[in-house]
C-alpha atoms as a PDB file:
ATOM      1  CA  UNK A   1      46.403  35.782 -63.384  1.00  0.00           C
ATOM      2  CA  UNK A   2      49.985  34.990 -64.206  1.00  0.00           C
ATOM      3  CA  UNK A   3      51.873  32.194 -62.464  1.00  0.00           C
ATOM      4  CA  UNK A   4      54.146  34.765 -60.821  1.00  0.00           C
ATOM      5  CA  UNK A   5      51.203  36.669 -59.375  1.00  0.00           C
ATOM      6  CA  UNK A   6      49.628  33.453 -58.152  1.00  0.00           C
ATOM      7  CA  UNK A   7      52.885  32.437 -56.479  1.00  0.00           C
ATOM      8  CA  UNK A   8      53.070  35.857 -54.820  1.00  0.00           C
ATOM      9  CA  UNK A   9      49.512  35.544 -53.478  1.00  0.00           C
ATOM     10  CA  UNK A  10      50.189  32.056 -52.137  1.00  0.00           C
ATOM     11  CA  UNK A  11      53.426  33.218 -50.513  1.00  0.00           C
ATOM     12  CA  UNK A  12      51.657  36.163 -48.849  1.00  0.00           C
ATOM     13  CA  UNK A  13      48.800  33.906 -47.716  1.00  0.00           C
ATOM     14  CA  UNK A  14      51.243  31.525 -46.033  1.00  0.00           C
ATOM     15  CA  UNK A  15      52.877  34.473 -44.246  1.00  0.00           C
ATOM     16  CA  UNK A  16      49.475  35.713 -43.040  1.00  0.00           C
ATOM     17  CA  UNK A  17      48.573  32.227 -41.778  1.00  0.00           C
ATOM     18  CA  UNK A  18      51.861  31.934 -39.888  1.00  0.00           C
ATOM     19  CA  UNK A  19      51.365  35.370 -38.318  1.00  0.00           C
ATOM     20  CA  UNK A  20      47.841  34.440 -37.217  1.00  0.00           C
ATOM     21  CA  UNK A  21      48.771  31.048 -35.771  1.00  0.00           C
ATOM     22  CA  UNK A  22      52.075  31.958 -34.075  1.00  0.00           C
ATOM     23  CA  UNK A  23      50.613  33.378 -30.820  1.00  0.00           C
ATOM     24  CA  UNK A  24      48.209  30.461 -30.426  1.00  0.00           C
ATOM     25  CA  UNK A  25      50.937  27.881 -30.966  1.00  0.00           C
ATOM     26  CA  UNK A  26      53.374  29.767 -28.749  1.00  0.00           C
ATOM     27  CA  UNK A  27      51.062  29.921 -25.751  1.00  0.00           C
ATOM     28  CA  UNK A  28      49.983  26.323 -26.274  1.00  0.00           C
ATOM     29  CA  UNK A  29      53.627  25.263 -26.405  1.00  0.00           C
ATOM     30  CA  UNK A  30      54.426  27.099 -23.155  1.00  0.00           C
ATOM     31  CA  UNK A  31      51.454  25.548 -21.348  1.00  0.00           C
ATOM     32  CA  UNK A  32      52.274  22.092 -22.704  1.00  0.00           C
ATOM     33  CA  UNK A  33      55.893  22.405 -21.584  1.00  0.00           C
ATOM     34  CA  UNK A  34      54.834  23.590 -18.124  1.00  0.00           C
ATOM     35  CA  UNK A  35      52.371  20.730 -17.719  1.00  0.00           C
ATOM     36  CA  UNK A  36      54.972  18.227 -18.940  1.00  0.00           C
ATOM     37  CA  UNK A  37      57.504  19.470 -16.402  1.00  0.00           C
ATOM     38  CA  UNK A  38      54.833  19.286 -13.695  1.00  0.00           C
ATOM     39  CA  UNK A  39      53.962  15.727 -14.716  1.00  0.00           C
ATOM     40  CA  UNK A  40      57.610  14.699 -14.755  1.00  0.00           C
ATOM     41  CA  UNK A  41      58.309  16.098 -11.310  1.00  0.00           C
ATOM     42  CA  UNK A  42      55.179  14.649  -9.692  1.00  0.00           C
ATOM     43  CA  UNK A  43      55.158  11.420 -11.755  1.00  0.00           C
ATOM     44  CA  UNK A  44      51.472  11.900 -12.594  1.00  0.00           C
ATOM     45  CA  UNK A  45      50.857  10.453 -16.056  1.00  0.00           C
ATOM     46  CA  UNK A  46      47.242  11.439 -16.655  1.00  0.00           C
ATOM     47  CA  UNK A  47      46.453  12.168 -20.323  1.00  0.00           C
ATOM     48  CA  UNK A  48      43.700  14.673 -19.604  1.00  0.00           C
ATOM     49  CA  UNK A  49      46.084  16.700 -17.448  1.00  0.00           C
ATOM     50  CA  UNK A  50      48.126  17.438 -20.568  1.00  0.00           C
ATOM     51  CA  UNK A  51      45.161  17.966 -22.889  1.00  0.00           C
ATOM     52  CA  UNK A  52      42.698  20.156 -20.980  1.00  0.00           C
ATOM     53  CA  UNK A  53      45.036  23.059 -20.089  1.00  0.00           C
ATOM     54  CA  UNK A  54      46.158  23.352 -23.707  1.00  0.00           C
ATOM     55  CA  UNK A  55      42.566  23.468 -24.965  1.00  0.00           C
ATOM     56  CA  UNK A  56      41.683  26.120 -22.385  1.00  0.00           C
ATOM     57  CA  UNK A  57      44.778  28.123 -23.357  1.00  0.00           C
ATOM     58  CA  UNK A  58      43.923  27.996 -27.054  1.00  0.00           C
ATOM     59  CA  UNK A  59      40.357  29.147 -26.357  1.00  0.00           C
ATOM     60  CA  UNK A  60      41.555  32.011 -24.141  1.00  0.00           C
ATOM     61  CA  UNK A  61      44.109  33.171 -26.703  1.00  0.00           C
ATOM     62  CA  UNK A  62      41.452  33.035 -29.420  1.00  0.00           C
ATOM     63  CA  UNK A  63      39.101  35.114 -27.275  1.00  0.00           C
ATOM     64  CA  UNK A  64      41.813  37.671 -26.508  1.00  0.00           C
ATOM     65  CA  UNK A  65      43.376  37.899 -29.975  1.00  0.00           C
ATOM     66  CA  UNK A  66      40.342  37.049 -32.112  1.00  0.00           C
ATOM     67  CA  UNK A  67      39.782  40.663 -33.149  1.00  0.00           C
ATOM     68  CA  UNK A  68      43.408  41.060 -34.174  1.00  0.00           C
ATOM     69  CA  UNK A  69      43.306  37.805 -36.175  1.00  0.00           C
ATOM     70  CA  UNK A  70      40.160  38.932 -37.988  1.00  0.00           C
ATOM     71  CA  UNK A  71      41.809  42.293 -38.709  1.00  0.00           C
ATOM     72  CA  UNK A  72      44.835  40.555 -40.264  1.00  0.00           C
ATOM     73  CA  UNK A  73      42.573  38.472 -42.521  1.00  0.00           C
ATOM     74  CA  UNK A  74      40.481  41.502 -43.519  1.00  0.00           C
ATOM     75  CA  UNK A  75      43.592  43.552 -44.366  1.00  0.00           C
ATOM     76  CA  UNK A  76      44.930  40.700 -46.512  1.00  0.00           C
ATOM     77  CA  UNK A  77      41.593  40.354 -48.296  1.00  0.00           C
ATOM     78  CA  UNK A  78      41.323  44.096 -48.927  1.00  0.00           C
ATOM     79  CA  UNK A  79      44.867  44.095 -50.313  1.00  0.00           C
ATOM     80  CA  UNK A  80      43.931  41.309 -52.733  1.00  0.00           C
ATOM     81  CA  UNK A  81      40.832  43.220 -53.869  1.00  0.00           C
ATOM     82  CA  UNK A  82      42.738  46.483 -54.300  1.00  0.00           C
ATOM     83  CA  UNK A  83      45.385  44.797 -56.429  1.00  0.00           C
ATOM     84  CA  UNK A  84      42.699  43.142 -58.557  1.00  0.00           C
ATOM     85  CA  UNK A  85      43.838  39.621 -57.754  1.00  0.00           C
ATOM     86  CA  UNK A  86      40.340  38.518 -56.688  1.00  0.00           C
ATOM     87  CA  UNK A  87      37.543  38.743 -59.277  1.00  0.00           C
ATOM     88  CA  UNK A  88      35.076  40.615 -57.023  1.00  0.00           C
END
């Protein structure tokens, strides 16, 4: 494998990772911002109040989008195999 091909594979892998993680981070960010605004307006400074909703949100998003995430990974892997960049 040439250095250019390796750089291309790494670049594509980073893009795939960003595509997979973007919805999870986006929903977690929205929930975190909402909880922070709620805490600021009510002056409740409980650490678990900020942590638990984000964990629940991440788990729900993973359950809802898990099939799509797996499909993205499988398509990337099949593309690598078809191009002969993986020795299997």
